[in-house]
Amino acid sequence: MKRQIAYEIAERYSGIQEVPGTTANPAIMSMLKLDNEWPEDDSVPWCSAFVNYICWLVGLPRSKSLRARSWLQVGQPVELFDARKGDIVILKRGKGEQPGPEVIEAPGHVGFYSANDLTTVWLLGGNQSDTVKLSPYPTNRVLGVRSLEV
């Protein structure tokens, strides 16, 4: 039930975006500073900060890290086609060959599961084109899906 609430709250943040230049969006900075003191502005990757913040609001387990792949160590694994709205999806990011899910320090992206078909998974997440929104990703980029509810 909390996963659905998390998704609904995340939807309310749709449209929040980075502020260009030296100014930062205070909402994004709150997300970044929840677990990390070092971010100076919202130009750093903040997809994991968004997921951590929403999970914190509803009392779900969190990775407490800005690394997207850190979410591979939280919750229980779920197959993509068994995922439910609000589960956490972790993706590979970058060009060329990327390491598998065993490498937490590699580039990644994370968001809340919305839907999928054979070739596309839809994620509601932060830092998707510098904003919170629903976006499509190829299913071949999925590293893992995690349920935060047991």
N, C-alpha and C. Protein backbone atom coordinates (compact mmCIF):
# COMPACT_ATOMS: atom_id res chain seq x y z
N MET A 1 0.81 -1.19 0.00
CA MET A 1 0.00 0.00 0.00
C MET A 1 0.86 1.26 0.00
N LYS A 2 1.98 1.27 0.77
CA LYS A 2 2.84 2.44 0.81
C LYS A 2 3.46 2.73 -0.55
N ARG A 3 3.71 1.68 -1.34
CA ARG A 3 4.32 1.89 -2.66
C ARG A 3 3.38 2.73 -3.53
N GLN A 4 2.07 2.48 -3.46
CA GLN A 4 1.09 3.24 -4.23
C GLN A 4 1.04 4.69 -3.74
N ILE A 5 1.10 4.87 -2.43
CA ILE A 5 1.11 6.22 -1.87
C ILE A 5 2.36 6.96 -2.32
N ALA A 6 3.51 6.27 -2.30
CA ALA A 6 4.76 6.89 -2.76
C ALA A 6 4.62 7.37 -4.20
N TYR A 7 4.04 6.53 -5.05
CA TYR A 7 3.87 6.91 -6.45
C TYR A 7 2.97 8.13 -6.58
N GLU A 8 1.88 8.14 -5.83
CA GLU A 8 0.95 9.27 -5.90
C GLU A 8 1.61 10.57 -5.42
N ILE A 9 2.41 10.49 -4.39
CA ILE A 9 3.13 11.68 -3.92
C ILE A 9 4.16 12.11 -4.96
N ALA A 10 4.88 11.15 -5.53
CA ALA A 10 5.87 11.47 -6.56
C ALA A 10 5.22 12.20 -7.74
N GLU A 11 4.01 11.78 -8.10
CA GLU A 11 3.28 12.45 -9.20
C GLU A 11 3.05 13.93 -8.91
N ARG A 12 2.85 14.26 -7.65
CA ARG A 12 2.60 15.65 -7.27
C ARG A 12 3.81 16.55 -7.52
N TYR A 13 4.98 15.94 -7.62
CA TYR A 13 6.21 16.69 -7.89
C TYR A 13 6.47 16.85 -9.38
N SER A 14 5.62 16.29 -10.23
CA SER A 14 5.81 16.40 -11.69
C SER A 14 5.95 17.87 -12.08
N GLY A 15 6.94 18.13 -12.91
CA GLY A 15 7.18 19.48 -13.39
C GLY A 15 8.24 20.24 -12.61
N ILE A 16 8.61 19.76 -11.43
CA ILE A 16 9.69 20.41 -10.69
C ILE A 16 10.96 20.19 -11.49
N GLN A 17 11.73 21.26 -11.69
CA GLN A 17 12.92 21.14 -12.52
C GLN A 17 14.09 21.95 -11.99
N GLU A 18 15.26 21.61 -12.50
CA GLU A 18 16.46 22.35 -12.15
C GLU A 18 16.33 23.81 -12.58
N VAL A 19 17.04 24.66 -11.88
CA VAL A 19 17.10 26.07 -12.23
C VAL A 19 18.44 26.30 -12.94
N PRO A 20 18.41 26.81 -14.18
CA PRO A 20 19.67 27.04 -14.89
C PRO A 20 20.55 28.09 -14.20
N GLY A 21 21.84 27.95 -14.38
CA GLY A 21 22.77 28.93 -13.83
C GLY A 21 23.19 28.61 -12.41
N THR A 22 23.56 29.65 -11.68
CA THR A 22 24.10 29.45 -10.33
C THR A 22 23.03 29.30 -9.26
N THR A 23 21.78 29.55 -9.59
CA THR A 23 20.68 29.39 -8.65
C THR A 23 20.23 27.93 -8.68
N ALA A 24 19.75 27.42 -7.57
CA ALA A 24 19.27 26.04 -7.51
C ALA A 24 17.82 26.01 -7.02
N ASN A 25 17.08 25.00 -7.46
CA ASN A 25 15.70 24.83 -7.02
C ASN A 25 15.73 24.36 -5.56
N PRO A 26 15.10 25.11 -4.65
CA PRO A 26 15.14 24.72 -3.23
C PRO A 26 14.52 23.35 -2.95
N ALA A 27 13.51 22.95 -3.72
CA ALA A 27 12.90 21.64 -3.51
C ALA A 27 13.90 20.53 -3.84
N ILE A 28 14.63 20.69 -4.93
CA ILE A 28 15.63 19.68 -5.31
C ILE A 28 16.78 19.69 -4.31
N MET A 29 17.18 20.87 -3.85
CA MET A 29 18.25 20.94 -2.85
C MET A 29 17.84 20.24 -1.56
N SER A 30 16.58 20.34 -1.17
CA SER A 30 16.10 19.62 0.03
C SER A 30 16.25 18.12 -0.15
N MET A 31 15.93 17.65 -1.35
CA MET A 31 16.08 16.21 -1.65
C MET A 31 17.54 15.80 -1.58
N LEU A 32 18.42 16.59 -2.19
CA LEU A 32 19.85 16.28 -2.21
C LEU A 32 20.45 16.32 -0.81
N LYS A 33 20.04 17.25 0.01
CA LYS A 33 20.64 17.44 1.34
C LYS A 33 20.07 16.50 2.40
N LEU A 34 19.01 15.75 2.07
CA LEU A 34 18.42 14.83 3.04
C LEU A 34 19.48 13.88 3.60
N ASP A 35 20.33 13.34 2.74
CA ASP A 35 21.34 12.37 3.17
C ASP A 35 22.77 12.76 2.81
N ASN A 36 22.96 13.88 2.11
CA ASN A 36 24.29 14.24 1.61
C ASN A 36 24.51 15.74 1.79
N GLU A 37 25.64 16.11 2.36
CA GLU A 37 25.93 17.53 2.59
C GLU A 37 26.65 18.19 1.43
N TRP A 38 27.31 17.43 0.57
CA TRP A 38 28.20 18.02 -0.43
C TRP A 38 27.53 18.73 -1.61
N PRO A 39 26.32 18.38 -2.06
CA PRO A 39 25.82 19.09 -3.25
C PRO A 39 25.68 20.59 -3.00
N GLU A 40 26.22 21.36 -3.94
CA GLU A 40 26.17 22.82 -3.85
C GLU A 40 25.00 23.39 -4.64
N ASP A 41 24.56 22.64 -5.67
CA ASP A 41 23.45 23.10 -6.49
C ASP A 41 22.75 21.90 -7.11
N ASP A 42 21.72 22.16 -7.91
CA ASP A 42 20.92 21.07 -8.47
C ASP A 42 21.43 20.56 -9.82
N SER A 43 22.68 20.90 -10.17
CA SER A 43 23.24 20.42 -11.43
C SER A 43 23.84 19.02 -11.30
N VAL A 44 23.88 18.46 -10.09
CA VAL A 44 24.38 17.10 -9.88
C VAL A 44 23.26 16.10 -10.15
N PRO A 45 23.61 14.83 -10.43
CA PRO A 45 22.55 13.83 -10.62
C PRO A 45 21.69 13.73 -9.35
N TRP A 46 20.37 13.79 -9.53
CA TRP A 46 19.48 13.80 -8.36
C TRP A 46 18.33 12.80 -8.46
N CYS A 47 18.41 11.84 -9.38
CA CYS A 47 17.34 10.84 -9.49
C CYS A 47 17.20 10.03 -8.20
N SER A 48 18.32 9.62 -7.63
CA SER A 48 18.27 8.84 -6.39
C SER A 48 17.81 9.70 -5.22
N ALA A 49 18.20 10.97 -5.21
CA ALA A 49 17.74 11.88 -4.15
C ALA A 49 16.23 12.00 -4.18
N PHE A 50 15.65 12.06 -5.38
CA PHE A 50 14.20 12.16 -5.50
C PHE A 50 13.52 10.92 -4.93
N VAL A 51 14.00 9.74 -5.31
CA VAL A 51 13.40 8.49 -4.82
C VAL A 51 13.58 8.38 -3.31
N ASN A 52 14.77 8.72 -2.80
CA ASN A 52 15.00 8.70 -1.35
C ASN A 52 14.05 9.64 -0.63
N TYR A 53 13.85 10.82 -1.16
CA TYR A 53 12.99 11.82 -0.53
C TYR A 53 11.54 11.34 -0.46
N ILE A 54 11.03 10.81 -1.56
CA ILE A 54 9.65 10.33 -1.58
C ILE A 54 9.50 9.16 -0.60
N CYS A 55 10.46 8.24 -0.60
CA CYS A 55 10.39 7.11 0.33
C CYS A 55 10.47 7.58 1.79
N TRP A 56 11.27 8.59 2.04
CA TRP A 56 11.36 9.16 3.39
C TRP A 56 10.01 9.73 3.81
N LEU A 57 9.33 10.41 2.89
CA LEU A 57 8.03 11.01 3.21
C LEU A 57 6.99 9.97 3.63
N VAL A 58 7.03 8.77 3.04
CA VAL A 58 6.01 7.77 3.34
C VAL A 58 6.51 6.65 4.25
N GLY A 59 7.77 6.72 4.69
CA GLY A 59 8.28 5.73 5.62
C GLY A 59 8.69 4.41 4.99
N LEU A 60 9.12 4.44 3.74
CA LEU A 60 9.63 3.24 3.08
C LEU A 60 11.15 3.16 3.24
N PRO A 61 11.74 1.96 3.12
CA PRO A 61 13.20 1.84 3.17
C PRO A 61 13.85 2.71 2.09
N ARG A 62 15.08 3.19 2.39
CA ARG A 62 15.80 4.07 1.47
C ARG A 62 17.24 3.62 1.32
N SER A 63 17.86 4.05 0.23
CA SER A 63 19.28 3.74 0.03
C SER A 63 20.16 4.76 0.75
N LYS A 64 19.67 5.96 0.98
CA LYS A 64 20.41 7.05 1.62
C LYS A 64 21.67 7.41 0.84
N SER A 65 21.65 7.20 -0.47
CA SER A 65 22.80 7.47 -1.33
C SER A 65 22.33 8.18 -2.59
N LEU A 66 23.22 8.98 -3.17
CA LEU A 66 22.91 9.62 -4.44
C LEU A 66 23.22 8.70 -5.63
N ARG A 67 23.81 7.54 -5.39
CA ARG A 67 24.08 6.59 -6.46
C ARG A 67 22.81 5.84 -6.83
N ALA A 68 22.41 5.93 -8.08
CA ALA A 68 21.19 5.25 -8.53
C ALA A 68 21.27 3.75 -8.28
N ARG A 69 22.43 3.16 -8.54
CA ARG A 69 22.57 1.72 -8.38
C ARG A 69 22.55 1.27 -6.92
N SER A 70 22.63 2.21 -5.98
CA SER A 70 22.55 1.84 -4.56
C SER A 70 21.20 1.20 -4.25
N TRP A 71 20.20 1.50 -5.07
CA TRP A 71 18.86 0.94 -4.87
C TRP A 71 18.82 -0.56 -5.16
N LEU A 72 19.84 -1.10 -5.80
CA LEU A 72 19.91 -2.55 -6.02
C LEU A 72 20.12 -3.30 -4.71
N GLN A 73 20.45 -2.58 -3.64
CA GLN A 73 20.71 -3.19 -2.33
C GLN A 73 19.58 -2.94 -1.33
N VAL A 74 18.47 -2.41 -1.80
CA VAL A 74 17.34 -2.08 -0.93
C VAL A 74 16.12 -2.90 -1.34
N GLY A 75 15.36 -3.36 -0.38
CA GLY A 75 14.12 -4.08 -0.69
C GLY A 75 14.36 -5.48 -1.24
N GLN A 76 13.33 -6.00 -1.88
CA GLN A 76 13.36 -7.37 -2.42
C GLN A 76 13.32 -7.33 -3.94
N PRO A 77 14.10 -8.20 -4.61
CA PRO A 77 14.07 -8.22 -6.07
C PRO A 77 12.72 -8.69 -6.61
N VAL A 78 12.32 -8.10 -7.73
CA VAL A 78 11.07 -8.43 -8.41
C VAL A 78 11.38 -8.50 -9.90
N GLU A 79 10.76 -9.42 -10.61
CA GLU A 79 10.90 -9.46 -12.06
C GLU A 79 10.15 -8.29 -12.67
N LEU A 80 10.65 -7.74 -13.77
CA LEU A 80 10.03 -6.58 -14.39
C LEU A 80 8.55 -6.81 -14.69
N PHE A 81 8.21 -7.99 -15.20
CA PHE A 81 6.82 -8.24 -15.58
C PHE A 81 5.92 -8.56 -14.39
N ASP A 82 6.53 -8.62 -13.18
CA ASP A 82 5.75 -8.76 -11.95
C ASP A 82 5.70 -7.45 -11.17
N ALA A 83 6.36 -6.42 -11.69
CA ALA A 83 6.44 -5.14 -10.99
C ALA A 83 5.06 -4.50 -10.85
N ARG A 84 4.92 -3.74 -9.76
CA ARG A 84 3.69 -2.99 -9.52
C ARG A 84 4.02 -1.51 -9.42
N LYS A 85 3.03 -0.70 -9.74
CA LYS A 85 3.22 0.75 -9.71
C LYS A 85 3.79 1.16 -8.36
N GLY A 86 4.90 1.89 -8.42
CA GLY A 86 5.57 2.34 -7.21
C GLY A 86 6.78 1.53 -6.83
N ASP A 87 6.99 0.36 -7.47
CA ASP A 87 8.24 -0.37 -7.25
C ASP A 87 9.39 0.48 -7.80
N ILE A 88 10.60 0.15 -7.42
CA ILE A 88 11.78 0.91 -7.82
C ILE A 88 12.48 0.18 -8.97
N VAL A 89 12.77 0.91 -10.05
CA VAL A 89 13.47 0.34 -11.21
C VAL A 89 14.82 1.02 -11.33
N ILE A 90 15.86 0.21 -11.47
CA ILE A 90 17.23 0.71 -11.62
C ILE A 90 17.70 0.38 -13.03
N LEU A 91 18.25 1.40 -13.70
CA LEU A 91 18.68 1.28 -15.09
C LEU A 91 20.18 1.51 -15.25
N LYS A 92 20.74 0.94 -16.32
CA LYS A 92 22.08 1.30 -16.77
C LYS A 92 21.98 2.69 -17.36
N ARG A 93 23.09 3.44 -17.29
CA ARG A 93 23.13 4.77 -17.90
C ARG A 93 24.48 4.95 -18.57
N GLY A 94 24.45 5.62 -19.69
CA GLY A 94 25.69 5.90 -20.40
C GLY A 94 25.76 5.16 -21.72
N LYS A 95 26.78 5.49 -22.48
CA LYS A 95 26.96 4.89 -23.80
C LYS A 95 27.90 3.71 -23.72
N GLY A 96 27.78 2.83 -24.69
CA GLY A 96 28.66 1.68 -24.74
C GLY A 96 28.28 0.60 -23.75
N GLU A 97 29.16 -0.34 -23.59
CA GLU A 97 28.94 -1.47 -22.68
C GLU A 97 29.01 -1.00 -21.23
N GLN A 98 28.00 -1.33 -20.46
CA GLN A 98 27.94 -0.95 -19.05
C GLN A 98 28.04 -2.20 -18.18
N PRO A 99 28.64 -2.08 -17.00
CA PRO A 99 28.71 -3.24 -16.10
C PRO A 99 27.33 -3.66 -15.61
N GLY A 100 27.26 -4.86 -15.10
CA GLY A 100 26.01 -5.40 -14.59
C GLY A 100 25.67 -4.86 -13.21
N PRO A 101 24.62 -5.41 -12.62
CA PRO A 101 24.12 -4.91 -11.34
C PRO A 101 25.07 -5.12 -10.16
N GLU A 102 26.08 -5.93 -10.34
CA GLU A 102 27.02 -6.16 -9.24
C GLU A 102 27.94 -4.95 -9.00
N VAL A 103 28.01 -4.02 -9.94
CA VAL A 103 28.86 -2.83 -9.81
C VAL A 103 27.99 -1.63 -9.42
N ILE A 104 27.99 -1.33 -8.14
CA ILE A 104 27.14 -0.26 -7.60
C ILE A 104 27.69 1.13 -7.97
N GLU A 105 29.00 1.26 -8.14
CA GLU A 105 29.62 2.56 -8.40
C GLU A 105 29.49 3.02 -9.85
N ALA A 106 28.95 2.21 -10.74
CA ALA A 106 28.81 2.57 -12.15
C ALA A 106 27.62 3.51 -12.35
N PRO A 107 27.59 4.21 -13.49
CA PRO A 107 26.47 5.10 -13.77
C PRO A 107 25.14 4.35 -13.83
N GLY A 108 24.09 5.02 -13.39
CA GLY A 108 22.76 4.42 -13.42
C GLY A 108 21.68 5.48 -13.35
N HIS A 109 20.47 5.01 -13.35
CA HIS A 109 19.30 5.89 -13.19
C HIS A 109 18.26 5.10 -12.40
N VAL A 110 17.44 5.78 -11.62
CA VAL A 110 16.44 5.13 -10.80
C VAL A 110 15.15 5.94 -10.80
N GLY A 111 14.03 5.22 -10.76
CA GLY A 111 12.74 5.88 -10.70
C GLY A 111 11.67 4.91 -10.25
N PHE A 112 10.46 5.41 -10.15
CA PHE A 112 9.32 4.60 -9.73
C PHE A 112 8.67 3.96 -10.95
N TYR A 113 8.43 2.66 -10.87
CA TYR A 113 7.79 1.91 -11.94
C TYR A 113 6.36 2.41 -12.17
N SER A 114 6.02 2.59 -13.45
CA SER A 114 4.65 2.96 -13.81
C SER A 114 4.01 1.87 -14.66
N ALA A 115 4.70 1.45 -15.74
CA ALA A 115 4.15 0.44 -16.64
C ALA A 115 5.27 -0.06 -17.55
N ASN A 116 4.99 -1.14 -18.27
CA ASN A 116 5.95 -1.61 -19.27
C ASN A 116 5.26 -2.49 -20.30
N ASP A 117 5.96 -2.66 -21.43
CA ASP A 117 5.59 -3.66 -22.42
C ASP A 117 6.87 -4.44 -22.73
N LEU A 118 6.94 -5.12 -23.83
CA LEU A 118 8.13 -5.94 -24.12
C LEU A 118 9.40 -5.13 -24.32
N THR A 119 9.28 -3.90 -24.79
CA THR A 119 10.48 -3.13 -25.14
C THR A 119 10.67 -1.85 -24.34
N THR A 120 9.66 -1.42 -23.61
CA THR A 120 9.71 -0.12 -22.93
C THR A 120 9.20 -0.23 -21.49
N VAL A 121 9.92 0.44 -20.59
CA VAL A 121 9.45 0.59 -19.21
C VAL A 121 9.27 2.08 -18.97
N TRP A 122 8.17 2.45 -18.33
CA TRP A 122 7.86 3.85 -18.02
C TRP A 122 8.19 4.10 -16.56
N LEU A 123 9.01 5.13 -16.32
CA LEU A 123 9.41 5.49 -14.96
C LEU A 123 8.98 6.91 -14.63
N LEU A 124 8.49 7.09 -13.43
CA LEU A 124 8.26 8.40 -12.86
C LEU A 124 9.47 8.70 -12.00
N GLY A 125 10.22 9.71 -12.39
CA GLY A 125 11.44 9.96 -11.65
C GLY A 125 11.92 11.38 -11.74
N GLY A 126 12.93 11.67 -10.94
CA GLY A 126 13.58 12.96 -10.95
C GLY A 126 14.80 12.94 -11.85
N ASN A 127 15.21 14.13 -12.26
CA ASN A 127 16.37 14.30 -13.14
C ASN A 127 16.19 13.58 -14.47
N GLN A 128 14.97 13.53 -14.94
CA GLN A 128 14.66 12.99 -16.27
C GLN A 128 14.51 14.21 -17.16
N SER A 129 15.54 14.50 -17.94
CA SER A 129 15.65 15.77 -18.69
C SER A 129 15.57 16.94 -17.71
N ASP A 130 16.24 16.81 -16.57
CA ASP A 130 16.36 17.84 -15.54
C ASP A 130 15.04 18.19 -14.86
N THR A 131 14.07 17.29 -14.92
CA THR A 131 12.78 17.56 -14.29
C THR A 131 12.20 16.27 -13.71
N VAL A 132 11.14 16.39 -12.93
CA VAL A 132 10.38 15.23 -12.47
C VAL A 132 9.29 14.99 -13.50
N LYS A 133 9.29 13.80 -14.08
CA LYS A 133 8.27 13.47 -15.07
C LYS A 133 8.24 11.97 -15.33
N LEU A 134 7.25 11.56 -16.10
CA LEU A 134 7.11 10.18 -16.54
C LEU A 134 7.84 10.05 -17.87
N SER A 135 8.76 9.08 -17.97
CA SER A 135 9.58 8.92 -19.18
C SER A 135 9.72 7.46 -19.56
N PRO A 136 9.85 7.18 -20.88
CA PRO A 136 10.05 5.81 -21.35
C PRO A 136 11.55 5.47 -21.44
N TYR A 137 11.87 4.22 -21.14
CA TYR A 137 13.24 3.72 -21.26
C TYR A 137 13.20 2.32 -21.86
N PRO A 138 14.22 1.93 -22.63
CA PRO A 138 14.27 0.57 -23.18
C PRO A 138 14.40 -0.46 -22.05
N THR A 139 13.66 -1.54 -22.14
CA THR A 139 13.73 -2.56 -21.10
C THR A 139 15.11 -3.22 -21.04
N ASN A 140 15.90 -3.15 -22.12
CA ASN A 140 17.23 -3.77 -22.07
C ASN A 140 18.21 -2.98 -21.21
N ARG A 141 17.81 -1.84 -20.69
CA ARG A 141 18.63 -1.06 -19.75
C ARG A 141 18.33 -1.39 -18.29
N VAL A 142 17.30 -2.19 -18.03
CA VAL A 142 16.91 -2.50 -16.66
C VAL A 142 17.95 -3.40 -15.99
N LEU A 143 18.47 -2.94 -14.87
CA LEU A 143 19.41 -3.73 -14.06
C LEU A 143 18.67 -4.51 -12.98
N GLY A 144 17.57 -3.95 -12.51
CA GLY A 144 16.82 -4.61 -11.46
C GLY A 144 15.57 -3.83 -11.10
N VAL A 145 14.65 -4.55 -10.46
CA VAL A 145 13.43 -3.96 -9.94
C VAL A 145 13.34 -4.39 -8.49
N ARG A 146 13.01 -3.46 -7.62
CA ARG A 146 12.94 -3.75 -6.19
C ARG A 146 11.60 -3.36 -5.63
N SER A 147 11.04 -4.25 -4.81
CA SER A 147 9.85 -3.94 -4.04
C SER A 147 10.31 -3.53 -2.65
N LEU A 148 9.79 -2.41 -2.17
CA LEU A 148 10.17 -1.94 -0.84
C LEU A 148 9.19 -2.43 0.22
N GLU A 149 8.16 -3.13 -0.21
CA GLU A 149 7.18 -3.69 0.72
C GLU A 149 7.32 -5.22 0.72
N VAL A 150 7.33 -5.77 1.91
CA VAL A 150 7.46 -7.24 2.03
C VAL A 150 6.10 -7.83 2.26
